[in-house]
Amino acid sequence: GVEEQRVNVIADFQALQSQLGDGYRVEASIVTWESSNVIKVPASSLFRVGTNWAVFAVEEGKVIQRQIEIGHRNSFEAEVVKGLSAGTPVVLHPSNQLQNGTLIEVANKQ
């Protein structure tokens, strides 16, 4: 994808060196960033307004367009640095027809 970055990873397998044979495979999970206190939103809730990021927050049965500032991001979610409080629901897949102030009904989480 456009935001995908590839990097070389050098791993040291000294303890297993004698046990590795032809055709071995290594599966790894590499953490590039983490934090214990982050407000995050699904990436599918983000949209652009000019050069800024925005979401539709849900407040009192209405959608309110909120300009937000995002930090770290991947394909699934984005860190919200500014513009949204923790726990505020957002519209997951906003359509182009959705407008500020539109009344909506929130589906129950299951």
N, C-alpha and C. Protein backbone atom coordinates (compact mmCIF):
# COMPACT_ATOMS: atom_id res chain seq x y z
N GLY A 1 0.81 -1.19 0.00
CA GLY A 1 0.00 0.00 0.00
C GLY A 1 0.85 1.25 0.00
N VAL A 2 0.21 2.39 -0.12
CA VAL A 2 0.88 3.67 -0.20
C VAL A 2 1.66 3.96 1.07
N GLU A 3 1.09 3.64 2.24
CA GLU A 3 1.73 3.98 3.50
C GLU A 3 2.63 2.86 4.02
N GLU A 4 2.75 1.81 3.27
CA GLU A 4 3.56 0.67 3.71
C GLU A 4 5.03 0.99 3.56
N GLN A 5 5.79 0.64 4.56
CA GLN A 5 7.23 0.87 4.50
C GLN A 5 7.93 -0.45 4.76
N ARG A 6 8.97 -0.70 4.03
CA ARG A 6 9.76 -1.92 4.22
C ARG A 6 11.10 -1.54 4.82
N VAL A 7 11.51 -2.33 5.79
CA VAL A 7 12.80 -2.10 6.44
C VAL A 7 13.51 -3.44 6.59
N ASN A 8 14.82 -3.38 6.59
CA ASN A 8 15.60 -4.58 6.84
C ASN A 8 15.65 -4.83 8.33
N VAL A 9 15.52 -6.09 8.72
CA VAL A 9 15.62 -6.49 10.12
C VAL A 9 16.75 -7.49 10.22
N ILE A 10 17.66 -7.24 11.13
CA ILE A 10 18.77 -8.16 11.35
C ILE A 10 18.50 -8.90 12.65
N ALA A 11 18.40 -10.21 12.57
CA ALA A 11 18.12 -11.03 13.75
C ALA A 11 19.31 -11.93 14.03
N ASP A 12 19.54 -12.20 15.27
CA ASP A 12 20.67 -13.02 15.70
C ASP A 12 20.13 -14.33 16.29
N PHE A 13 20.41 -15.44 15.62
CA PHE A 13 19.91 -16.75 16.03
C PHE A 13 21.04 -17.63 16.56
N GLN A 14 21.93 -17.10 17.33
CA GLN A 14 23.09 -17.86 17.81
C GLN A 14 22.69 -19.12 18.56
N ALA A 15 21.67 -19.05 19.39
CA ALA A 15 21.28 -20.21 20.19
C ALA A 15 20.72 -21.34 19.33
N LEU A 16 20.14 -21.01 18.19
CA LEU A 16 19.51 -22.02 17.35
C LEU A 16 20.35 -22.39 16.13
N GLN A 17 21.49 -21.80 15.98
CA GLN A 17 22.27 -21.93 14.75
C GLN A 17 22.46 -23.38 14.31
N SER A 18 22.73 -24.25 15.21
CA SER A 18 22.98 -25.65 14.82
C SER A 18 21.70 -26.38 14.49
N GLN A 19 20.52 -25.86 14.89
CA GLN A 19 19.26 -26.55 14.67
C GLN A 19 18.54 -26.11 13.39
N LEU A 20 18.98 -25.03 12.78
CA LEU A 20 18.30 -24.52 11.60
C LEU A 20 18.80 -25.25 10.36
N GLY A 21 17.85 -25.70 9.55
CA GLY A 21 18.20 -26.40 8.33
C GLY A 21 17.70 -25.66 7.11
N ASP A 22 17.78 -26.31 5.98
CA ASP A 22 17.33 -25.74 4.72
C ASP A 22 15.82 -25.51 4.76
N GLY A 23 15.37 -24.38 4.27
CA GLY A 23 13.93 -24.10 4.14
C GLY A 23 13.26 -23.70 5.44
N TYR A 24 13.99 -23.29 6.44
CA TYR A 24 13.35 -22.88 7.70
C TYR A 24 12.63 -21.56 7.49
N ARG A 25 11.68 -21.30 8.36
CA ARG A 25 10.89 -20.08 8.26
C ARG A 25 10.78 -19.46 9.64
N VAL A 26 10.82 -18.15 9.68
CA VAL A 26 10.69 -17.43 10.93
C VAL A 26 9.49 -16.50 10.82
N GLU A 27 8.58 -16.57 11.78
CA GLU A 27 7.47 -15.63 11.85
C GLU A 27 7.74 -14.73 13.05
N ALA A 28 7.64 -13.43 12.83
CA ALA A 28 7.96 -12.48 13.90
C ALA A 28 6.94 -11.36 13.93
N SER A 29 6.77 -10.80 15.08
CA SER A 29 5.96 -9.61 15.26
C SER A 29 6.90 -8.53 15.78
N ILE A 30 6.98 -7.44 15.04
CA ILE A 30 7.92 -6.37 15.40
C ILE A 30 7.12 -5.14 15.79
N VAL A 31 7.28 -4.70 17.02
CA VAL A 31 6.58 -3.52 17.52
C VAL A 31 7.45 -2.31 17.22
N THR A 32 6.88 -1.36 16.46
CA THR A 32 7.64 -0.16 16.11
C THR A 32 7.30 1.01 17.02
N TRP A 33 6.16 0.95 17.70
CA TRP A 33 5.76 1.99 18.64
C TRP A 33 4.64 1.46 19.51
N GLU A 34 4.63 1.87 20.78
CA GLU A 34 3.52 1.54 21.66
C GLU A 34 3.42 2.57 22.78
N SER A 35 2.21 2.71 23.32
CA SER A 35 1.97 3.61 24.43
C SER A 35 0.80 3.05 25.24
N SER A 36 0.81 3.32 26.54
CA SER A 36 -0.24 2.75 27.39
C SER A 36 -1.48 3.64 27.49
N ASN A 37 -1.41 4.89 27.09
CA ASN A 37 -2.53 5.80 27.25
C ASN A 37 -2.79 6.56 25.95
N VAL A 38 -3.59 5.95 25.07
CA VAL A 38 -3.79 6.51 23.74
C VAL A 38 -5.29 6.55 23.42
N ILE A 39 -5.73 7.65 22.84
CA ILE A 39 -7.07 7.71 22.25
C ILE A 39 -6.88 7.30 20.79
N LYS A 40 -7.65 6.32 20.35
CA LYS A 40 -7.51 5.87 18.97
C LYS A 40 -8.88 5.69 18.33
N VAL A 41 -8.90 5.79 17.01
CA VAL A 41 -10.12 5.60 16.23
C VAL A 41 -9.81 4.62 15.10
N PRO A 42 -10.84 3.92 14.62
CA PRO A 42 -10.63 3.07 13.45
C PRO A 42 -10.23 3.92 12.24
N ALA A 43 -9.31 3.43 11.45
CA ALA A 43 -8.86 4.16 10.26
C ALA A 43 -10.03 4.41 9.31
N SER A 44 -11.03 3.52 9.32
CA SER A 44 -12.18 3.67 8.43
C SER A 44 -13.06 4.87 8.81
N SER A 45 -12.87 5.44 9.99
CA SER A 45 -13.67 6.59 10.40
C SER A 45 -13.06 7.92 9.95
N LEU A 46 -11.82 7.89 9.49
CA LEU A 46 -11.11 9.11 9.10
C LEU A 46 -11.49 9.59 7.71
N PHE A 47 -11.55 10.89 7.53
CA PHE A 47 -11.70 11.47 6.19
C PHE A 47 -11.00 12.82 6.18
N ARG A 48 -10.72 13.30 4.99
CA ARG A 48 -10.00 14.57 4.84
C ARG A 48 -10.97 15.72 4.63
N VAL A 49 -10.65 16.84 5.26
CA VAL A 49 -11.31 18.12 5.00
C VAL A 49 -10.17 19.07 4.68
N GLY A 50 -9.97 19.32 3.40
CA GLY A 50 -8.80 20.07 2.96
C GLY A 50 -7.56 19.25 3.25
N THR A 51 -6.64 19.82 4.01
CA THR A 51 -5.42 19.10 4.37
C THR A 51 -5.51 18.48 5.77
N ASN A 52 -6.64 18.67 6.43
CA ASN A 52 -6.81 18.19 7.81
C ASN A 52 -7.59 16.88 7.86
N TRP A 53 -7.39 16.13 8.94
CA TRP A 53 -8.15 14.91 9.20
C TRP A 53 -9.39 15.25 10.01
N ALA A 54 -10.45 14.49 9.80
CA ALA A 54 -11.69 14.70 10.55
C ALA A 54 -12.39 13.36 10.77
N VAL A 55 -13.31 13.37 11.73
CA VAL A 55 -14.21 12.24 11.98
C VAL A 55 -15.59 12.82 12.24
N PHE A 56 -16.60 11.98 12.14
CA PHE A 56 -17.93 12.36 12.59
C PHE A 56 -18.11 11.74 13.97
N ALA A 57 -18.11 12.59 14.99
CA ALA A 57 -18.37 12.15 16.36
C ALA A 57 -19.88 12.08 16.56
N VAL A 58 -20.31 11.20 17.44
CA VAL A 58 -21.74 11.07 17.73
C VAL A 58 -22.02 11.70 19.09
N GLU A 59 -22.89 12.72 19.07
CA GLU A 59 -23.25 13.44 20.29
C GLU A 59 -24.75 13.68 20.31
N GLU A 60 -25.42 13.15 21.33
CA GLU A 60 -26.87 13.34 21.51
C GLU A 60 -27.67 12.99 20.26
N GLY A 61 -27.31 11.88 19.63
CA GLY A 61 -28.06 11.39 18.48
C GLY A 61 -27.78 12.12 17.17
N LYS A 62 -26.77 12.97 17.15
CA LYS A 62 -26.40 13.70 15.94
C LYS A 62 -24.94 13.45 15.64
N VAL A 63 -24.57 13.57 14.35
CA VAL A 63 -23.16 13.50 13.99
C VAL A 63 -22.60 14.92 13.95
N ILE A 64 -21.45 15.07 14.56
CA ILE A 64 -20.77 16.36 14.60
C ILE A 64 -19.40 16.17 13.97
N GLN A 65 -19.13 16.92 12.92
CA GLN A 65 -17.82 16.83 12.27
C GLN A 65 -16.77 17.44 13.18
N ARG A 66 -15.74 16.65 13.48
CA ARG A 66 -14.67 17.10 14.35
C ARG A 66 -13.34 17.04 13.62
N GLN A 67 -12.66 18.16 13.54
CA GLN A 67 -11.30 18.16 13.01
C GLN A 67 -10.41 17.58 14.09
N ILE A 68 -9.56 16.63 13.72
CA ILE A 68 -8.66 16.02 14.69
C ILE A 68 -7.24 16.04 14.16
N GLU A 69 -6.33 15.86 15.07
CA GLU A 69 -4.92 15.73 14.71
C GLU A 69 -4.54 14.29 15.05
N ILE A 70 -3.95 13.61 14.08
CA ILE A 70 -3.57 12.22 14.33
C ILE A 70 -2.06 12.11 14.48
N GLY A 71 -1.66 11.09 15.23
CA GLY A 71 -0.25 10.80 15.43
C GLY A 71 0.11 9.53 14.67
N HIS A 72 0.43 8.49 15.39
CA HIS A 72 0.79 7.21 14.77
C HIS A 72 -0.44 6.60 14.12
N ARG A 73 -0.21 5.88 13.01
CA ARG A 73 -1.33 5.31 12.25
C ARG A 73 -0.86 4.05 11.55
N ASN A 74 -1.78 3.09 11.43
CA ASN A 74 -1.53 1.92 10.60
C ASN A 74 -2.76 1.69 9.73
N SER A 75 -2.88 0.53 9.14
CA SER A 75 -4.00 0.25 8.25
C SER A 75 -5.33 0.14 8.97
N PHE A 76 -5.29 -0.10 10.28
CA PHE A 76 -6.51 -0.39 11.02
C PHE A 76 -6.97 0.71 11.97
N GLU A 77 -6.03 1.46 12.54
CA GLU A 77 -6.41 2.47 13.52
C GLU A 77 -5.40 3.62 13.55
N ALA A 78 -5.85 4.74 14.15
CA ALA A 78 -5.00 5.93 14.23
C ALA A 78 -5.06 6.50 15.63
N GLU A 79 -3.92 7.00 16.08
CA GLU A 79 -3.83 7.68 17.37
C GLU A 79 -4.37 9.10 17.20
N VAL A 80 -5.28 9.51 18.09
CA VAL A 80 -5.81 10.87 18.08
C VAL A 80 -5.02 11.69 19.09
N VAL A 81 -4.31 12.70 18.62
CA VAL A 81 -3.48 13.55 19.46
C VAL A 81 -4.28 14.74 19.98
N LYS A 82 -5.24 15.19 19.17
CA LYS A 82 -6.00 16.39 19.53
C LYS A 82 -7.35 16.38 18.83
N GLY A 83 -8.39 16.83 19.55
CA GLY A 83 -9.68 17.05 18.91
C GLY A 83 -10.79 16.08 19.26
N LEU A 84 -10.50 15.05 20.08
CA LEU A 84 -11.52 14.07 20.42
C LEU A 84 -11.25 13.54 21.82
N SER A 85 -12.32 13.41 22.60
CA SER A 85 -12.19 12.89 23.97
C SER A 85 -12.28 11.38 23.97
N ALA A 86 -11.66 10.77 24.95
CA ALA A 86 -11.73 9.31 25.10
C ALA A 86 -13.18 8.88 25.29
N GLY A 87 -13.56 7.81 24.60
CA GLY A 87 -14.91 7.26 24.74
C GLY A 87 -15.94 7.86 23.82
N THR A 88 -15.60 8.90 23.09
CA THR A 88 -16.57 9.51 22.16
C THR A 88 -16.78 8.59 20.97
N PRO A 89 -18.03 8.15 20.72
CA PRO A 89 -18.26 7.28 19.56
C PRO A 89 -18.06 8.05 18.25
N VAL A 90 -17.60 7.34 17.23
CA VAL A 90 -17.44 7.93 15.90
C VAL A 90 -18.11 7.04 14.86
N VAL A 91 -18.45 7.62 13.72
CA VAL A 91 -19.05 6.88 12.62
C VAL A 91 -17.94 6.09 11.93
N LEU A 92 -18.14 4.77 11.79
CA LEU A 92 -17.08 3.91 11.27
C LEU A 92 -16.80 4.08 9.78
N HIS A 93 -17.83 4.17 8.97
CA HIS A 93 -17.65 4.30 7.52
C HIS A 93 -18.52 5.45 7.02
N PRO A 94 -18.10 6.70 7.25
CA PRO A 94 -18.95 7.82 6.86
C PRO A 94 -19.06 7.96 5.34
N SER A 95 -20.27 8.15 4.87
CA SER A 95 -20.47 8.33 3.43
C SER A 95 -20.37 9.81 3.10
N ASN A 96 -20.24 10.10 1.83
CA ASN A 96 -20.18 11.50 1.37
C ASN A 96 -21.50 12.22 1.58
N GLN A 97 -22.58 11.47 1.79
CA GLN A 97 -23.90 12.07 1.98
C GLN A 97 -24.15 12.49 3.43
N LEU A 98 -23.33 12.04 4.35
CA LEU A 98 -23.49 12.39 5.75
C LEU A 98 -23.05 13.83 5.97
N GLN A 99 -23.86 14.60 6.70
CA GLN A 99 -23.55 16.01 6.93
C GLN A 99 -23.57 16.32 8.42
N ASN A 100 -22.86 17.37 8.78
CA ASN A 100 -22.82 17.83 10.16
C ASN A 100 -24.24 18.07 10.68
N GLY A 101 -24.58 17.49 11.84
CA GLY A 101 -25.90 17.69 12.44
C GLY A 101 -26.92 16.64 12.06
N THR A 102 -26.58 15.70 11.17
CA THR A 102 -27.52 14.67 10.76
C THR A 102 -27.92 13.81 11.96
N LEU A 103 -29.21 13.55 12.11
CA LEU A 103 -29.69 12.66 13.18
C LEU A 103 -29.38 11.22 12.80
N ILE A 104 -28.92 10.46 13.77
CA ILE A 104 -28.62 9.05 13.52
C ILE A 104 -29.07 8.21 14.71
N GLU A 105 -29.17 6.93 14.47
CA GLU A 105 -29.45 5.98 15.53
C GLU A 105 -28.23 5.09 15.70
N VAL A 106 -27.73 4.99 16.90
CA VAL A 106 -26.52 4.22 17.17
C VAL A 106 -26.89 2.76 17.35
N ALA A 107 -26.22 1.88 16.61
CA ALA A 107 -26.45 0.44 16.74
C ALA A 107 -25.81 -0.05 18.02
N ASN A 108 -26.40 -1.05 18.65
CA ASN A 108 -25.82 -1.63 19.86
C ASN A 108 -24.57 -2.38 19.54
N LYS A 109 -23.53 -2.23 20.38
CA LYS A 109 -22.30 -3.02 20.24
C LYS A 109 -22.58 -4.43 20.72
N GLN A 110 -22.06 -5.40 20.02
CA GLN A 110 -22.22 -6.79 20.47
C GLN A 110 -20.93 -7.51 20.41
